[in-house]
Amino acid sequence: MRDNSYLKNRLYFLWRNYFPDVLAKEPIEIRFGRKAKYRFGSIRYCHASKKVHITVNGRFQDEKYPTEIIDHTVAHEMVHYAQGFPTPGPRLSRYPHRGGVVNRELKERHLHHLVYFYDSWVKGYINSL
């Protein structure tokens, strides 16, 4: 079973190697959440603690789920962070997913292998539910 420190290591690996230009304006906490069928991750800003919380689907604690899916989920949420969505500050666009902005930025950050892996994997995942 994977734990929250595993997620923290994946976050820092991705940040260091693919998001070095993104400065942390607020502390970021990452953890596994509840098990869900369709929501793989979420990012939100907590006004009380002034922290950003990334939550990853609790199903992904099981090692039967590929690391690439966890990396894709974390990188997806990092794109939202880079574009200003979880924070009260300015945002780069009005809608977080419209027009494929997340996949476009993942590819620009040389994470196209995660986009392609996710696209091929998710079809089998949905059919297995």
C-alpha atoms as a PDB file:
ATOM      1  CA  MET A   1       0.000   0.000   0.000  1.00  0.00           C
ATOM      2  CA  ARG A   2       1.172   3.474  -0.840  1.00  0.00           C
ATOM      3  CA  ASP A   3       0.997   6.213   1.761  1.00  0.00           C
ATOM      4  CA  ASN A   4       0.939  10.008   1.856  1.00  0.00           C
ATOM      5  CA  SER A   5       4.735  10.264   1.981  1.00  0.00           C
ATOM      6  CA  TYR A   6       4.811   8.391  -1.348  1.00  0.00           C
ATOM      7  CA  LEU A   7       2.537  11.074  -2.796  1.00  0.00           C
ATOM      8  CA  LYS A   8       4.705  13.834  -1.363  1.00  0.00           C
ATOM      9  CA  ASN A   9       7.759  12.300  -3.029  1.00  0.00           C
ATOM     10  CA  ARG A  10       5.940  12.076  -6.373  1.00  0.00           C
ATOM     11  CA  LEU A  11       4.838  15.714  -6.041  1.00  0.00           C
ATOM     12  CA  TYR A  12       8.380  16.919  -5.348  1.00  0.00           C
ATOM     13  CA  PHE A  13       9.813  14.783  -8.154  1.00  0.00           C
ATOM     14  CA  LEU A  14       7.355  16.217 -10.678  1.00  0.00           C
ATOM     15  CA  TRP A  15       7.772  19.753  -9.364  1.00  0.00           C
ATOM     16  CA  ARG A  16      11.566  19.628  -9.474  1.00  0.00           C
ATOM     17  CA  ASN A  17      11.753  18.069 -12.944  1.00  0.00           C
ATOM     18  CA  TYR A  18       8.758  19.475 -14.825  1.00  0.00           C
ATOM     19  CA  PHE A  19       7.462  22.526 -12.930  1.00  0.00           C
ATOM     20  CA  PRO A  20      10.642  24.322 -11.795  1.00  0.00           C
ATOM     21  CA  ASP A  21       9.254  27.688 -12.926  1.00  0.00           C
ATOM     22  CA  VAL A  22       6.206  27.387 -10.652  1.00  0.00           C
ATOM     23  CA  LEU A  23       6.872  29.128  -7.372  1.00  0.00           C
ATOM     24  CA  ALA A  24       5.032  27.995  -4.265  1.00  0.00           C
ATOM     25  CA  LYS A  25       3.080  31.000  -3.068  1.00  0.00           C
ATOM     26  CA  GLU A  26       1.364  28.927  -0.383  1.00  0.00           C
ATOM     27  CA  PRO A  27       2.293  25.655   1.315  1.00  0.00           C
ATOM     28  CA  ILE A  28       0.998  22.618  -0.557  1.00  0.00           C
ATOM     29  CA  GLU A  29      -0.220  19.509   1.206  1.00  0.00           C
ATOM     30  CA  ILE A  30      -0.959  16.303  -0.664  1.00  0.00           C
ATOM     31  CA  ARG A  31      -2.748  13.219   0.590  1.00  0.00           C
ATOM     32  CA  PHE A  32      -4.878  10.286  -0.414  1.00  0.00           C
ATOM     33  CA  GLY A  33      -8.587  10.907   0.007  1.00  0.00           C
ATOM     34  CA  ARG A  34     -11.632   8.719  -0.157  1.00  0.00           C
ATOM     35  CA  LYS A  35     -12.005   6.049  -2.794  1.00  0.00           C
ATOM     36  CA  ALA A  36     -13.892   7.309  -5.811  1.00  0.00           C
ATOM     37  CA  LYS A  37     -14.823   5.807  -9.145  1.00  0.00           C
ATOM     38  CA  TYR A  38     -14.357   8.755 -11.464  1.00  0.00           C
ATOM     39  CA  ARG A  39     -12.637  11.634  -9.644  1.00  0.00           C
ATOM     40  CA  PHE A  40      -8.914  11.007  -9.693  1.00  0.00           C
ATOM     41  CA  GLY A  41      -7.793  14.158  -7.925  1.00  0.00           C
ATOM     42  CA  SER A  42      -8.718  17.626  -6.764  1.00  0.00           C
ATOM     43  CA  ILE A  43      -7.027  20.806  -5.652  1.00  0.00           C
ATOM     44  CA  ARG A  44      -8.440  23.459  -3.369  1.00  0.00           C
ATOM     45  CA  TYR A  45      -7.333  26.421  -1.311  1.00  0.00           C
ATOM     46  CA  CYS A  46      -8.138  26.531   2.391  1.00  0.00           C
ATOM     47  CA  HIS A  47      -8.632  30.132   3.485  1.00  0.00           C
ATOM     48  CA  ALA A  48      -8.379  29.269   7.190  1.00  0.00           C
ATOM     49  CA  SER A  49      -4.944  27.622   6.989  1.00  0.00           C
ATOM     50  CA  LYS A  50      -3.808  29.500   3.846  1.00  0.00           C
ATOM     51  CA  LYS A  51      -2.663  26.203   2.317  1.00  0.00           C
ATOM     52  CA  VAL A  52      -3.342  24.430  -0.944  1.00  0.00           C
ATOM     53  CA  HIS A  53      -4.601  20.858  -0.575  1.00  0.00           C
ATOM     54  CA  ILE A  54      -4.204  18.269  -3.322  1.00  0.00           C
ATOM     55  CA  THR A  55      -6.265  15.139  -2.789  1.00  0.00           C
ATOM     56  CA  VAL A  56      -5.663  11.977  -4.816  1.00  0.00           C
ATOM     57  CA  ASN A  57      -8.191   9.156  -5.207  1.00  0.00           C
ATOM     58  CA  GLY A  58      -7.833   6.679  -2.341  1.00  0.00           C
ATOM     59  CA  ARG A  59      -8.074   3.764  -4.784  1.00  0.00           C
ATOM     60  CA  PHE A  60      -4.609   4.641  -6.018  1.00  0.00           C
ATOM     61  CA  GLN A  61      -3.082   3.556  -2.698  1.00  0.00           C
ATOM     62  CA  ASP A  62      -3.358   0.033  -4.059  1.00  0.00           C
ATOM     63  CA  GLU A  63      -0.233  -0.832  -6.038  1.00  0.00           C
ATOM     64  CA  LYS A  64      -2.292  -2.430  -8.815  1.00  0.00           C
ATOM     65  CA  TYR A  65      -2.762   1.113 -10.152  1.00  0.00           C
ATOM     66  CA  PRO A  66       0.193   2.248 -12.264  1.00  0.00           C
ATOM     67  CA  THR A  67       2.519   4.976 -11.030  1.00  0.00           C
ATOM     68  CA  GLU A  68       1.905   6.815 -14.307  1.00  0.00           C
ATOM     69  CA  ILE A  69      -1.735   7.369 -13.308  1.00  0.00           C
ATOM     70  CA  ILE A  70      -0.708   8.845  -9.986  1.00  0.00           C
ATOM     71  CA  ASP A  71       1.887  11.024 -11.720  1.00  0.00           C
ATOM     72  CA  HIS A  72      -0.689  12.132 -14.280  1.00  0.00           C
ATOM     73  CA  THR A  73      -3.163  13.015 -11.527  1.00  0.00           C
ATOM     74  CA  VAL A  74      -0.598  14.987  -9.519  1.00  0.00           C
ATOM     75  CA  ALA A  75       0.755  16.729 -12.637  1.00  0.00           C
ATOM     76  CA  HIS A  76      -2.817  17.580 -13.704  1.00  0.00           C
ATOM     77  CA  GLU A  77      -3.420  19.269 -10.352  1.00  0.00           C
ATOM     78  CA  MET A  78      -0.050  21.026 -10.610  1.00  0.00           C
ATOM     79  CA  VAL A  79      -1.146  22.507 -13.932  1.00  0.00           C
ATOM     80  CA  HIS A  80      -4.189  23.924 -12.167  1.00  0.00           C
ATOM     81  CA  TYR A  81      -1.889  25.345  -9.495  1.00  0.00           C
ATOM     82  CA  ALA A  82       0.429  26.858 -12.114  1.00  0.00           C
ATOM     83  CA  GLN A  83      -2.567  28.484 -13.811  1.00  0.00           C
ATOM     84  CA  GLY A  84      -3.800  29.990 -10.542  1.00  0.00           C
ATOM     85  CA  PHE A  85      -6.969  27.967 -10.009  1.00  0.00           C
ATOM     86  CA  PRO A  86      -6.871  26.943  -6.389  1.00  0.00           C
ATOM     87  CA  THR A  87      -5.705  30.304  -5.063  1.00  0.00           C
ATOM     88  CA  PRO A  88      -7.559  33.572  -4.641  1.00  0.00           C
ATOM     89  CA  GLY A  89      -5.120  35.338  -7.003  1.00  0.00           C
ATOM     90  CA  PRO A  90      -5.362  35.823 -10.792  1.00  0.00           C
ATOM     91  CA  ARG A  91      -6.017  32.923 -13.148  1.00  0.00           C
ATOM     92  CA  LEU A  92      -4.587  32.395 -16.615  1.00  0.00           C
ATOM     93  CA  SER A  93      -7.959  31.433 -18.093  1.00  0.00           C
ATOM     94  CA  ARG A  94     -11.582  31.513 -17.076  1.00  0.00           C
ATOM     95  CA  TYR A  95     -12.213  27.767 -17.080  1.00  0.00           C
ATOM     96  CA  PRO A  96      -9.712  25.165 -15.837  1.00  0.00           C
ATOM     97  CA  HIS A  97     -10.309  22.500 -18.528  1.00  0.00           C
ATOM     98  CA  ARG A  98     -11.853  24.199 -21.546  1.00  0.00           C
ATOM     99  CA  GLY A  99     -10.066  23.707 -24.829  1.00  0.00           C
ATOM    100  CA  GLY A 100      -7.665  21.059 -23.553  1.00  0.00           C
ATOM    101  CA  VAL A 101      -5.490  23.562 -21.681  1.00  0.00           C
ATOM    102  CA  VAL A 102      -4.358  20.971 -19.131  1.00  0.00           C
ATOM    103  CA  ASN A 103      -3.189  18.407 -21.682  1.00  0.00           C
ATOM    104  CA  ARG A 104      -1.590  21.127 -23.788  1.00  0.00           C
ATOM    105  CA  GLU A 105       0.448  22.360 -20.826  1.00  0.00           C
ATOM    106  CA  LEU A 106       1.390  18.820 -19.786  1.00  0.00           C
ATOM    107  CA  LYS A 107       2.739  18.238 -23.292  1.00  0.00           C
ATOM    108  CA  GLU A 108       4.598  21.571 -23.250  1.00  0.00           C
ATOM    109  CA  ARG A 109       6.228  20.447 -20.000  1.00  0.00           C
ATOM    110  CA  HIS A 110       7.406  17.225 -21.681  1.00  0.00           C
ATOM    111  CA  LEU A 111       4.850  15.063 -19.886  1.00  0.00           C
ATOM    112  CA  HIS A 112       3.194  13.845 -23.091  1.00  0.00           C
ATOM    113  CA  HIS A 113       3.994  10.241 -22.098  1.00  0.00           C
ATOM    114  CA  LEU A 114       1.627  10.636 -19.114  1.00  0.00           C
ATOM    115  CA  VAL A 115      -1.140  12.070 -21.306  1.00  0.00           C
ATOM    116  CA  TYR A 116      -0.880   9.165 -23.761  1.00  0.00           C
ATOM    117  CA  PHE A 117      -0.655   6.579 -20.982  1.00  0.00           C
ATOM    118  CA  TYR A 118      -3.718   8.057 -19.251  1.00  0.00           C
ATOM    119  CA  ASP A 119      -5.731   8.153 -22.499  1.00  0.00           C
ATOM    120  CA  SER A 120      -5.087   4.478 -23.194  1.00  0.00           C
ATOM    121  CA  TRP A 121      -5.412   3.299 -19.570  1.00  0.00           C
ATOM    122  CA  VAL A 122      -8.613   5.117 -18.610  1.00  0.00           C
ATOM    123  CA  LYS A 123     -10.721   3.310 -21.240  1.00  0.00           C
ATOM    124  CA  GLY A 124      -9.953  -0.064 -19.683  1.00  0.00           C
ATOM    125  CA  TYR A 125     -10.446   1.342 -16.190  1.00  0.00           C
ATOM    126  CA  ILE A 126     -13.920   2.655 -16.963  1.00  0.00           C
ATOM    127  CA  ASN A 127     -14.913  -0.605 -18.675  1.00  0.00           C
ATOM    128  CA  SER A 128     -13.802  -2.574 -15.592  1.00  0.00           C
ATOM    129  CA  LEU A 129     -16.167  -0.696 -13.241  1.00  0.00           C
END
